[in-house]
Amino acid sequence: MQIAVTTPNGNVGHHVVRILVRAGTRPRLLMRRPDRLAPDLRGLVDVVKVDQYDAAQVVDATRGLDALFWVDPTPAGADPLADYARATDSVVAAVTQNAIGRVVFQSSVGAEKRHGAGEIDGLAHTETALDATGADVTHLRCGYFFTNLLLHLDALRAGTVQVVLPLDSPMAWVAPRDIAEVAVTRLLSPSWSGRQVQAVHGPADFTWSEVAEILSAVLGRRITAERIADEAMYAQLTASGMPPRLADAVLGMSTGLREGFTPEQPRTATTTTPTTLVSWAYETLRPALT
């Protein structure tokens, strides 16, 4: 079975690659920078240099595939939704022209809204476009990544993480490794077909206040979550050099899911995964803060 993996050095992708290798497959990695392949993977994978925004390159790189793990690349331009549209054009061209029968797409909780959730709207566009290809597609509706906390290292050192969500509103938090395990299971399983939506909700729903308490215990320092105004967060994002449209899209991922949103997929045994925030924080976050 020939499987290709996009963003193979990403938070989820690098776990996907190693699980596939351990499963006895030789995945094809679509990489913008092949020189960044981990040395110990050489000889175990095939690597193709690809710009995911270039449809012709993606089509050439995906010939002969049985299955594809697709992750939209992180937007790099001033208009993130335009970047998502370009990436979507690439995967649709690859799936249709190469008759790729099976796709697992890394989406997000909130994509079911289709509009009004900032950057997540780009993932929603990819979902609907893949559905229209007629391929067997599983959309992974993932919760909030534990690894997003690595973007707040300076704030954690200072003891305060600022957010725009209500501090007492629970949401799904998930380890990227768990997403990878679900993705590989879907890639290798012959027991599903058609359009599927698989939520990946992590071990539990947490509020930001609960997360702060967990991190305080793990890190051995007092961590406080503080809610700030949307305008203040937008000002922080643009002051960091983020273009205005990108800042709007990033902020919209929180504000668009803040009022009256209920995930389409409820938490069940099917959506709950095992890695706890405590174990991840001990393994990953503590060393990053030293």
C-alpha atoms as a PDB file:
ATOM      1  CA  MET A   1       0.000   0.000   0.000  1.00  0.00           C
ATOM      2  CA  GLN A   2       1.501   3.336  -1.076  1.00  0.00           C
ATOM      3  CA  ILE A   3       0.747   6.172   1.339  1.00  0.00           C
ATOM      4  CA  ALA A   4       1.921   9.787   1.114  1.00  0.00           C
ATOM      5  CA  VAL A   5       2.272  12.159   4.045  1.00  0.00           C
ATOM      6  CA  THR A   6       2.268  15.951   3.826  1.00  0.00           C
ATOM      7  CA  THR A   7       3.917  18.231   6.419  1.00  0.00           C
ATOM      8  CA  PRO A   8       5.970  15.236   7.654  1.00  0.00           C
ATOM      9  CA  ASN A   9       7.914  17.432  10.092  1.00  0.00           C
ATOM     10  CA  GLY A  10       4.769  18.960  11.576  1.00  0.00           C
ATOM     11  CA  ASN A  11       3.370  18.429  15.060  1.00  0.00           C
ATOM     12  CA  VAL A  12       1.197  15.565  13.820  1.00  0.00           C
ATOM     13  CA  GLY A  13       2.996  14.596  10.613  1.00  0.00           C
ATOM     14  CA  HIS A  14       6.270  13.543  12.201  1.00  0.00           C
ATOM     15  CA  HIS A  15       4.391  11.084  14.398  1.00  0.00           C
ATOM     16  CA  VAL A  16       2.402   9.809  11.388  1.00  0.00           C
ATOM     17  CA  VAL A  17       5.616   9.057   9.509  1.00  0.00           C
ATOM     18  CA  ARG A  18       7.177   7.072  12.334  1.00  0.00           C
ATOM     19  CA  ILE A  19       4.023   5.086  13.063  1.00  0.00           C
ATOM     20  CA  LEU A  20       3.749   4.157   9.371  1.00  0.00           C
ATOM     21  CA  VAL A  21       7.397   3.086   9.330  1.00  0.00           C
ATOM     22  CA  ARG A  22       6.871   0.947  12.425  1.00  0.00           C
ATOM     23  CA  ALA A  23       3.812  -0.572  10.743  1.00  0.00           C
ATOM     24  CA  GLY A  24       6.075  -1.854   7.961  1.00  0.00           C
ATOM     25  CA  THR A  25       5.153   0.621   5.225  1.00  0.00           C
ATOM     26  CA  ARG A  26       7.468   2.879   3.244  1.00  0.00           C
ATOM     27  CA  PRO A  27       5.624   6.212   3.129  1.00  0.00           C
ATOM     28  CA  ARG A  28       6.227   8.858   0.506  1.00  0.00           C
ATOM     29  CA  LEU A  29       6.951  12.194   2.171  1.00  0.00           C
ATOM     30  CA  LEU A  30       5.962  15.410   0.425  1.00  0.00           C
ATOM     31  CA  MET A  31       8.447  17.949   1.751  1.00  0.00           C
ATOM     32  CA  ARG A  32       9.176  21.559   0.930  1.00  0.00           C
ATOM     33  CA  ARG A  33      12.618  21.120   2.495  1.00  0.00           C
ATOM     34  CA  PRO A  34      13.868  17.536   1.961  1.00  0.00           C
ATOM     35  CA  ASP A  35      17.145  18.476   3.660  1.00  0.00           C
ATOM     36  CA  ARG A  36      15.209  18.541   6.932  1.00  0.00           C
ATOM     37  CA  LEU A  37      14.477  14.809   6.848  1.00  0.00           C
ATOM     38  CA  ALA A  38      15.539  13.186  10.127  1.00  0.00           C
ATOM     39  CA  PRO A  39      18.751  11.206   9.455  1.00  0.00           C
ATOM     40  CA  ASP A  40      17.430   8.010  11.027  1.00  0.00           C
ATOM     41  CA  LEU A  41      14.556   7.902   8.505  1.00  0.00           C
ATOM     42  CA  ARG A  42      16.831   7.762   5.470  1.00  0.00           C
ATOM     43  CA  GLY A  43      16.361   4.458   3.671  1.00  0.00           C
ATOM     44  CA  LEU A  44      12.957   3.933   5.296  1.00  0.00           C
ATOM     45  CA  VAL A  45      10.932   6.535   3.374  1.00  0.00           C
ATOM     46  CA  ASP A  46      10.753   8.079  -0.078  1.00  0.00           C
ATOM     47  CA  VAL A  47      11.016  11.859  -0.275  1.00  0.00           C
ATOM     48  CA  VAL A  48       9.653  14.180  -2.961  1.00  0.00           C
ATOM     49  CA  LYS A  49      10.308  17.918  -2.946  1.00  0.00           C
ATOM     50  CA  VAL A  50       6.932  19.631  -3.185  1.00  0.00           C
ATOM     51  CA  ASP A  51       5.379  23.043  -2.697  1.00  0.00           C
ATOM     52  CA  GLN A  52       1.839  22.239  -1.563  1.00  0.00           C
ATOM     53  CA  TYR A  53       0.618  25.491  -3.090  1.00  0.00           C
ATOM     54  CA  ASP A  54       1.769  24.309  -6.552  1.00  0.00           C
ATOM     55  CA  ALA A  55      -0.941  22.020  -7.914  1.00  0.00           C
ATOM     56  CA  ALA A  56       1.215  20.649 -10.731  1.00  0.00           C
ATOM     57  CA  GLN A  57       3.946  19.655  -8.278  1.00  0.00           C
ATOM     58  CA  VAL A  58       1.448  17.985  -5.953  1.00  0.00           C
ATOM     59  CA  VAL A  59      -0.126  16.049  -8.830  1.00  0.00           C
ATOM     60  CA  ASP A  60       3.279  14.810  -9.993  1.00  0.00           C
ATOM     61  CA  ALA A  61       4.290  13.844  -6.453  1.00  0.00           C
ATOM     62  CA  THR A  62       1.141  11.825  -5.739  1.00  0.00           C
ATOM     63  CA  ARG A  63       0.982   9.553  -8.766  1.00  0.00           C
ATOM     64  CA  GLY A  64       0.356   5.917  -7.921  1.00  0.00           C
ATOM     65  CA  LEU A  65      -0.896   6.515  -4.409  1.00  0.00           C
ATOM     66  CA  ASP A  66      -3.425   4.390  -2.577  1.00  0.00           C
ATOM     67  CA  ALA A  67      -3.903   6.850   0.288  1.00  0.00           C
ATOM     68  CA  LEU A  68      -2.941  10.388   1.257  1.00  0.00           C
ATOM     69  CA  PHE A  69      -2.607  12.124   4.610  1.00  0.00           C
ATOM     70  CA  TRP A  70      -3.229  15.776   3.804  1.00  0.00           C
ATOM     71  CA  VAL A  71      -2.529  18.714   6.086  1.00  0.00           C
ATOM     72  CA  ASP A  72      -3.064  22.209   4.738  1.00  0.00           C
ATOM     73  CA  PRO A  73       0.255  24.053   5.183  1.00  0.00           C
ATOM     74  CA  THR A  74       0.408  26.894   7.670  1.00  0.00           C
ATOM     75  CA  PRO A  75      -0.528  30.089   5.791  1.00  0.00           C
ATOM     76  CA  ALA A  76       2.476  32.226   5.026  1.00  0.00           C
ATOM     77  CA  GLY A  77       0.906  35.158   3.186  1.00  0.00           C
ATOM     78  CA  ALA A  78      -1.080  38.226   4.119  1.00  0.00           C
ATOM     79  CA  ASP A  79      -4.385  36.524   3.185  1.00  0.00           C
ATOM     80  CA  PRO A  80      -4.585  33.153   4.981  1.00  0.00           C
ATOM     81  CA  LEU A  81      -7.897  32.056   3.486  1.00  0.00           C
ATOM     82  CA  ALA A  82      -6.466  32.601  -0.004  1.00  0.00           C
ATOM     83  CA  ASP A  83      -3.554  30.353   0.978  1.00  0.00           C
ATOM     84  CA  TYR A  84      -5.975  27.677   2.148  1.00  0.00           C
ATOM     85  CA  ALA A  85      -7.820  27.934  -1.158  1.00  0.00           C
ATOM     86  CA  ARG A  86      -4.581  27.434  -3.091  1.00  0.00           C
ATOM     87  CA  ALA A  87      -3.680  24.377  -1.023  1.00  0.00           C
ATOM     88  CA  THR A  88      -7.187  23.025  -1.527  1.00  0.00           C
ATOM     89  CA  ASP A  89      -6.845  23.391  -5.288  1.00  0.00           C
ATOM     90  CA  SER A  90      -3.660  21.308  -5.084  1.00  0.00           C
ATOM     91  CA  VAL A  91      -5.132  18.405  -3.147  1.00  0.00           C
ATOM     92  CA  VAL A  92      -8.299  18.338  -5.246  1.00  0.00           C
ATOM     93  CA  ALA A  93      -6.238  18.225  -8.452  1.00  0.00           C
ATOM     94  CA  ALA A  94      -4.115  15.396  -7.034  1.00  0.00           C
ATOM     95  CA  VAL A  95      -7.073  13.334  -5.851  1.00  0.00           C
ATOM     96  CA  THR A  96      -9.044  13.711  -9.073  1.00  0.00           C
ATOM     97  CA  GLN A  97      -6.230  13.421 -11.638  1.00  0.00           C
ATOM     98  CA  ASN A  98      -4.488  10.531  -9.880  1.00  0.00           C
ATOM     99  CA  ALA A  99      -7.650   8.775  -8.713  1.00  0.00           C
ATOM    100  CA  ILE A 100      -6.416   8.627  -5.124  1.00  0.00           C
ATOM    101  CA  GLY A 101      -9.032   6.460  -3.483  1.00  0.00           C
ATOM    102  CA  ARG A 102      -8.499   7.345   0.171  1.00  0.00           C
ATOM    103  CA  VAL A 103      -7.711  10.629   1.930  1.00  0.00           C
ATOM    104  CA  VAL A 104      -7.360  11.431   5.620  1.00  0.00           C
ATOM    105  CA  PHE A 105      -7.565  15.171   6.153  1.00  0.00           C
ATOM    106  CA  GLN A 106      -6.451  16.959   9.318  1.00  0.00           C
ATOM    107  CA  SER A 107      -9.270  19.386  10.024  1.00  0.00           C
ATOM    108  CA  SER A 108     -10.477  21.000  13.236  1.00  0.00           C
ATOM    109  CA  VAL A 109     -13.364  21.241  15.615  1.00  0.00           C
ATOM    110  CA  GLY A 110     -15.272  24.245  14.304  1.00  0.00           C
ATOM    111  CA  ALA A 111     -14.977  23.389  10.612  1.00  0.00           C
ATOM    112  CA  GLU A 112     -18.593  22.246  10.772  1.00  0.00           C
ATOM    113  CA  LYS A 113     -19.591  25.922  11.045  1.00  0.00           C
ATOM    114  CA  ARG A 114     -18.251  26.418   7.507  1.00  0.00           C
ATOM    115  CA  HIS A 115     -18.105  30.198   7.989  1.00  0.00           C
ATOM    116  CA  GLY A 116     -17.286  32.579  10.814  1.00  0.00           C
ATOM    117  CA  ALA A 117     -14.449  30.731  12.563  1.00  0.00           C
ATOM    118  CA  GLY A 118     -11.452  32.617  11.225  1.00  0.00           C
ATOM    119  CA  GLU A 119      -8.636  30.450   9.931  1.00  0.00           C
ATOM    120  CA  ILE A 120     -10.744  27.321  10.506  1.00  0.00           C
ATOM    121  CA  ASP A 121     -12.893  28.471   7.575  1.00  0.00           C
ATOM    122  CA  GLY A 122      -9.976  27.503   5.346  1.00  0.00           C
ATOM    123  CA  LEU A 123     -10.135  23.950   6.655  1.00  0.00           C
ATOM    124  CA  ALA A 124     -13.893  23.919   6.089  1.00  0.00           C
ATOM    125  CA  HIS A 125     -13.266  24.858   2.454  1.00  0.00           C
ATOM    126  CA  THR A 126     -10.874  21.942   2.065  1.00  0.00           C
ATOM    127  CA  GLU A 127     -13.420  19.592   3.630  1.00  0.00           C
ATOM    128  CA  THR A 128     -16.186  20.521   1.211  1.00  0.00           C
ATOM    129  CA  ALA A 129     -13.862  20.423  -1.794  1.00  0.00           C
ATOM    130  CA  LEU A 130     -12.585  16.956  -0.900  1.00  0.00           C
ATOM    131  CA  ASP A 131     -16.154  15.747  -0.403  1.00  0.00           C
ATOM    132  CA  ALA A 132     -16.933  16.812  -3.949  1.00  0.00           C
ATOM    133  CA  THR A 133     -14.165  14.628  -5.419  1.00  0.00           C
ATOM    134  CA  GLY A 134     -16.025  11.407  -4.640  1.00  0.00           C
ATOM    135  CA  ALA A 135     -12.979   9.870  -2.959  1.00  0.00           C
ATOM    136  CA  ASP A 136     -13.240   8.070   0.369  1.00  0.00           C
ATOM    137  CA  VAL A 137     -12.413  10.834   2.837  1.00  0.00           C
ATOM    138  CA  THR A 138     -12.086  10.986   6.608  1.00  0.00           C
ATOM    139  CA  HIS A 139     -12.009  14.456   8.122  1.00  0.00           C
ATOM    140  CA  LEU A 140     -10.280  14.514  11.501  1.00  0.00           C
ATOM    141  CA  ARG A 141     -12.009  17.191  13.576  1.00  0.00           C
ATOM    142  CA  CYS A 142      -9.237  17.816  16.091  1.00  0.00           C
ATOM    143  CA  GLY A 143      -9.371  19.639  19.396  1.00  0.00           C
ATOM    144  CA  TYR A 144      -6.959  22.318  20.610  1.00  0.00           C
ATOM    145  CA  PHE A 145      -3.389  21.061  20.346  1.00  0.00           C
ATOM    146  CA  PHE A 146      -1.361  20.714  23.540  1.00  0.00           C
ATOM    147  CA  THR A 147       1.573  21.960  21.470  1.00  0.00           C
ATOM    148  CA  ASN A 148      -0.073  25.372  21.093  1.00  0.00           C
ATOM    149  CA  LEU A 149       1.204  25.982  24.614  1.00  0.00           C
ATOM    150  CA  LEU A 150       4.731  26.031  23.173  1.00  0.00           C
ATOM    151  CA  LEU A 151       3.753  29.324  21.519  1.00  0.00           C
ATOM    152  CA  HIS A 152       3.345  30.819  25.007  1.00  0.00           C
ATOM    153  CA  LEU A 153       6.734  30.005  26.535  1.00  0.00           C
ATOM    154  CA  ASP A 154       7.555  33.604  27.412  1.00  0.00           C
ATOM    155  CA  ALA A 155       4.123  34.080  28.952  1.00  0.00           C
ATOM    156  CA  LEU A 156       4.464  30.862  30.936  1.00  0.00           C
ATOM    157  CA  ARG A 157       7.845  31.995  32.238  1.00  0.00           C
ATOM    158  CA  ALA A 158       6.159  35.233  33.340  1.00  0.00           C
ATOM    159  CA  GLY A 159       3.317  33.279  34.931  1.00  0.00           C
ATOM    160  CA  THR A 160       0.333  34.574  32.921  1.00  0.00           C
ATOM    161  CA  VAL A 161      -1.269  33.303  29.709  1.00  0.00           C
ATOM    162  CA  GLN A 162      -3.667  35.764  28.075  1.00  0.00           C
ATOM    163  CA  VAL A 163      -6.678  34.477  26.103  1.00  0.00           C
ATOM    164  CA  VAL A 164      -9.924  35.884  24.708  1.00  0.00           C
ATOM    165  CA  LEU A 165     -12.100  32.906  25.615  1.00  0.00           C
ATOM    166  CA  PRO A 166     -14.098  32.795  28.851  1.00  0.00           C
ATOM    167  CA  LEU A 167     -11.882  31.164  31.472  1.00  0.00           C
ATOM    168  CA  ASP A 168     -14.640  28.770  32.544  1.00  0.00           C
ATOM    169  CA  SER A 169     -15.612  27.483  29.071  1.00  0.00           C
ATOM    170  CA  PRO A 170     -14.427  23.899  28.493  1.00  0.00           C
ATOM    171  CA  MET A 171     -13.037  22.735  25.165  1.00  0.00           C
ATOM    172  CA  ALA A 172     -11.316  19.628  23.838  1.00  0.00           C
ATOM    173  CA  TRP A 173      -7.516  19.498  24.213  1.00  0.00           C
ATOM    174  CA  VAL A 174      -5.487  16.850  22.397  1.00  0.00           C
ATOM    175  CA  ALA A 175      -1.928  15.613  21.967  1.00  0.00           C
ATOM    176  CA  PRO A 176      -0.711  15.640  18.332  1.00  0.00           C
ATOM    177  CA  ARG A 177       0.659  12.108  18.835  1.00  0.00           C
ATOM    178  CA  ASP A 178      -2.889  10.885  19.483  1.00  0.00           C
ATOM    179  CA  ILE A 179      -4.116  12.567  16.296  1.00  0.00           C
ATOM    180  CA  ALA A 180      -1.366  10.769  14.397  1.00  0.00           C
ATOM    181  CA  GLU A 181      -2.428   7.409  15.767  1.00  0.00           C
ATOM    182  CA  VAL A 182      -6.016   7.994  14.683  1.00  0.00           C
ATOM    183  CA  ALA A 183      -4.828   9.181  11.261  1.00  0.00           C
ATOM    184  CA  VAL A 184      -2.683   6.105  10.649  1.00  0.00           C
ATOM    185  CA  THR A 185      -5.448   3.800  11.822  1.00  0.00           C
ATOM    186  CA  ARG A 186      -7.729   5.382   9.248  1.00  0.00           C
ATOM    187  CA  LEU A 187      -5.088   5.252   6.506  1.00  0.00           C
ATOM    188  CA  LEU A 188      -4.460   1.540   7.026  1.00  0.00           C
ATOM    189  CA  SER A 189      -7.975   0.336   7.870  1.00  0.00           C
ATOM    190  CA  PRO A 190      -9.968  -1.229   5.014  1.00  0.00           C
ATOM    191  CA  SER A 191     -13.215  -1.151   6.976  1.00  0.00           C
ATOM    192  CA  TRP A 192     -14.513   2.295   6.056  1.00  0.00           C
ATOM    193  CA  SER A 193     -15.571   4.079   2.885  1.00  0.00           C
ATOM    194  CA  GLY A 194     -17.387   7.191   1.724  1.00  0.00           C
ATOM    195  CA  ARG A 195     -17.343  10.434   3.686  1.00  0.00           C
ATOM    196  CA  GLN A 196     -16.434  10.071   7.330  1.00  0.00           C
ATOM    197  CA  VAL A 197     -15.942  12.580  10.130  1.00  0.00           C
ATOM    198  CA  GLN A 198     -13.796  11.393  13.032  1.00  0.00           C
ATOM    199  CA  ALA A 199     -13.451  13.767  15.946  1.00  0.00           C
ATOM    200  CA  VAL A 200     -10.233  13.604  17.977  1.00  0.00           C
ATOM    201  CA  HIS A 201     -11.026  15.168  21.332  1.00  0.00           C
ATOM    202  CA  GLY A 202      -8.106  14.168  23.511  1.00  0.00           C
ATOM    203  CA  PRO A 203      -8.537  12.819  27.051  1.00  0.00           C
ATOM    204  CA  ALA A 204     -10.898  15.484  28.442  1.00  0.00           C
ATOM    205  CA  ASP A 205     -12.388  18.930  27.985  1.00  0.00           C
ATOM    206  CA  PHE A 206     -10.594  21.640  29.968  1.00  0.00           C
ATOM    207  CA  THR A 207     -11.252  25.272  30.739  1.00  0.00           C
ATOM    208  CA  TRP A 208      -8.324  27.676  30.601  1.00  0.00           C
ATOM    209  CA  SER A 209      -8.534  28.001  34.390  1.00  0.00           C
ATOM    210  CA  GLU A 210      -8.171  24.222  34.740  1.00  0.00           C
ATOM    211  CA  VAL A 211      -5.256  24.210  32.318  1.00  0.00           C
ATOM    212  CA  ALA A 212      -3.539  26.886  34.374  1.00  0.00           C
ATOM    213  CA  GLU A 213      -3.941  24.779  37.508  1.00  0.00           C
ATOM    214  CA  ILE A 214      -2.528  21.691  35.787  1.00  0.00           C
ATOM    215  CA  LEU A 215       0.439  23.619  34.444  1.00  0.00           C
ATOM    216  CA  SER A 216       1.094  25.186  37.833  1.00  0.00           C
ATOM    217  CA  ALA A 217       1.411  21.721  39.369  1.00  0.00           C
ATOM    218  CA  VAL A 218       3.548  20.305  36.564  1.00  0.00           C
ATOM    219  CA  LEU A 219       5.876  23.282  36.184  1.00  0.00           C
ATOM    220  CA  GLY A 220       6.236  24.044  39.865  1.00  0.00           C
ATOM    221  CA  ARG A 221       5.380  27.706  39.376  1.00  0.00           C
ATOM    222  CA  ARG A 222       2.144  29.653  39.587  1.00  0.00           C
ATOM    223  CA  ILE A 223       0.451  29.960  36.186  1.00  0.00           C
ATOM    224  CA  THR A 224      -2.614  32.175  35.795  1.00  0.00           C
ATOM    225  CA  ALA A 225      -4.971  32.423  32.838  1.00  0.00           C
ATOM    226  CA  GLU A 226      -6.162  35.969  32.157  1.00  0.00           C
ATOM    227  CA  ARG A 227      -8.960  36.960  29.810  1.00  0.00           C
ATOM    228  CA  ILE A 228      -8.294  40.083  27.762  1.00  0.00           C
ATOM    229  CA  ALA A 229     -10.377  42.019  25.247  1.00  0.00           C
ATOM    230  CA  ASP A 230     -10.443  40.999  21.602  1.00  0.00           C
ATOM    231  CA  GLU A 231      -8.959  44.362  20.651  1.00  0.00           C
ATOM    232  CA  ALA A 232      -6.032  43.853  23.004  1.00  0.00           C
ATOM    233  CA  MET A 233      -5.280  40.418  21.533  1.00  0.00           C
ATOM    234  CA  TYR A 234      -5.513  41.794  17.999  1.00  0.00           C
ATOM    235  CA  ALA A 235      -3.087  44.552  18.941  1.00  0.00           C
ATOM    236  CA  GLN A 236      -0.656  41.981  20.328  1.00  0.00           C
ATOM    237  CA  LEU A 237      -0.845  39.898  17.151  1.00  0.00           C
ATOM    238  CA  THR A 238      -0.259  42.812  14.803  1.00  0.00           C
ATOM    239  CA  ALA A 239       2.495  44.223  17.026  1.00  0.00           C
ATOM    240  CA  SER A 240       4.312  40.900  16.637  1.00  0.00           C
ATOM    241  CA  GLY A 241       4.421  41.491  12.880  1.00  0.00           C
ATOM    242  CA  MET A 242       1.349  39.506  11.872  1.00  0.00           C
ATOM    243  CA  PRO A 243      -0.464  40.969   8.835  1.00  0.00           C
ATOM    244  CA  PRO A 244      -3.947  42.320   9.634  1.00  0.00           C
ATOM    245  CA  ARG A 245      -5.895  39.623   7.748  1.00  0.00           C
ATOM    246  CA  LEU A 246      -3.867  36.878   9.368  1.00  0.00           C
ATOM    247  CA  ALA A 247      -4.393  38.448  12.795  1.00  0.00           C
ATOM    248  CA  ASP A 248      -8.145  38.555  12.108  1.00  0.00           C
ATOM    249  CA  ALA A 249      -8.105  34.890  11.064  1.00  0.00           C
ATOM    250  CA  VAL A 250      -6.116  33.764  14.089  1.00  0.00           C
ATOM    251  CA  LEU A 251      -8.353  35.712  16.462  1.00  0.00           C
ATOM    252  CA  GLY A 252     -11.439  34.370  14.695  1.00  0.00           C
ATOM    253  CA  MET A 253     -10.550  30.797  15.633  1.00  0.00           C
ATOM    254  CA  SER A 254     -11.418  31.774  19.205  1.00  0.00           C
ATOM    255  CA  THR A 255     -14.098  34.423  18.782  1.00  0.00           C
ATOM    256  CA  GLY A 256     -15.967  32.423  16.128  1.00  0.00           C
ATOM    257  CA  LEU A 257     -16.392  29.453  18.472  1.00  0.00           C
ATOM    258  CA  ARG A 258     -17.003  31.461  21.621  1.00  0.00           C
ATOM    259  CA  GLU A 259     -20.736  32.120  21.614  1.00  0.00           C
ATOM    260  CA  GLY A 260     -23.270  29.322  21.312  1.00  0.00           C
ATOM    261  CA  PHE A 261     -21.020  26.850  19.530  1.00  0.00           C
ATOM    262  CA  THR A 262     -21.470  23.135  20.182  1.00  0.00           C
ATOM    263  CA  PRO A 263     -19.220  20.690  18.334  1.00  0.00           C
ATOM    264  CA  GLU A 264     -21.051  18.535  15.811  1.00  0.00           C
ATOM    265  CA  GLN A 265     -19.426  15.394  17.208  1.00  0.00           C
ATOM    266  CA  PRO A 266     -20.008  14.801  20.932  1.00  0.00           C
ATOM    267  CA  ARG A 267     -17.299  13.293  23.096  1.00  0.00           C
ATOM    268  CA  THR A 268     -17.552   9.493  23.064  1.00  0.00           C
ATOM    269  CA  ALA A 269     -15.218   6.520  23.435  1.00  0.00           C
ATOM    270  CA  THR A 270     -14.589   6.867  19.692  1.00  0.00           C
ATOM    271  CA  THR A 271     -13.348  10.452  19.978  1.00  0.00           C
ATOM    272  CA  THR A 272     -11.488  10.249  23.299  1.00  0.00           C
ATOM    273  CA  THR A 273      -7.739   9.607  23.156  1.00  0.00           C
ATOM    274  CA  PRO A 274      -5.350   8.633  25.974  1.00  0.00           C
ATOM    275  CA  THR A 275      -2.469  11.106  26.294  1.00  0.00           C
ATOM    276  CA  THR A 276      -3.089  13.394  29.267  1.00  0.00           C
ATOM    277  CA  LEU A 277      -2.132  17.032  29.496  1.00  0.00           C
ATOM    278  CA  VAL A 278      -0.134  16.228  32.626  1.00  0.00           C
ATOM    279  CA  SER A 279       1.999  13.590  30.914  1.00  0.00           C
ATOM    280  CA  TRP A 280       2.528  15.741  27.819  1.00  0.00           C
ATOM    281  CA  ALA A 281       3.501  18.755  29.909  1.00  0.00           C
ATOM    282  CA  TYR A 282       6.042  16.707  31.880  1.00  0.00           C
ATOM    283  CA  GLU A 283       7.502  15.200  28.715  1.00  0.00           C
ATOM    284  CA  THR A 284       7.485  18.228  26.412  1.00  0.00           C
ATOM    285  CA  LEU A 285       6.622  21.526  28.089  1.00  0.00           C
ATOM    286  CA  ARG A 286       8.894  21.319  31.141  1.00  0.00           C
ATOM    287  CA  PRO A 287      12.054  20.701  29.068  1.00  0.00           C
ATOM    288  CA  ALA A 288      11.109  23.539  26.710  1.00  0.00           C
ATOM    289  CA  LEU A 289      10.977  25.964  29.637  1.00  0.00           C
ATOM    290  CA  THR A 290      14.395  25.078  31.043  1.00  0.00           C
END
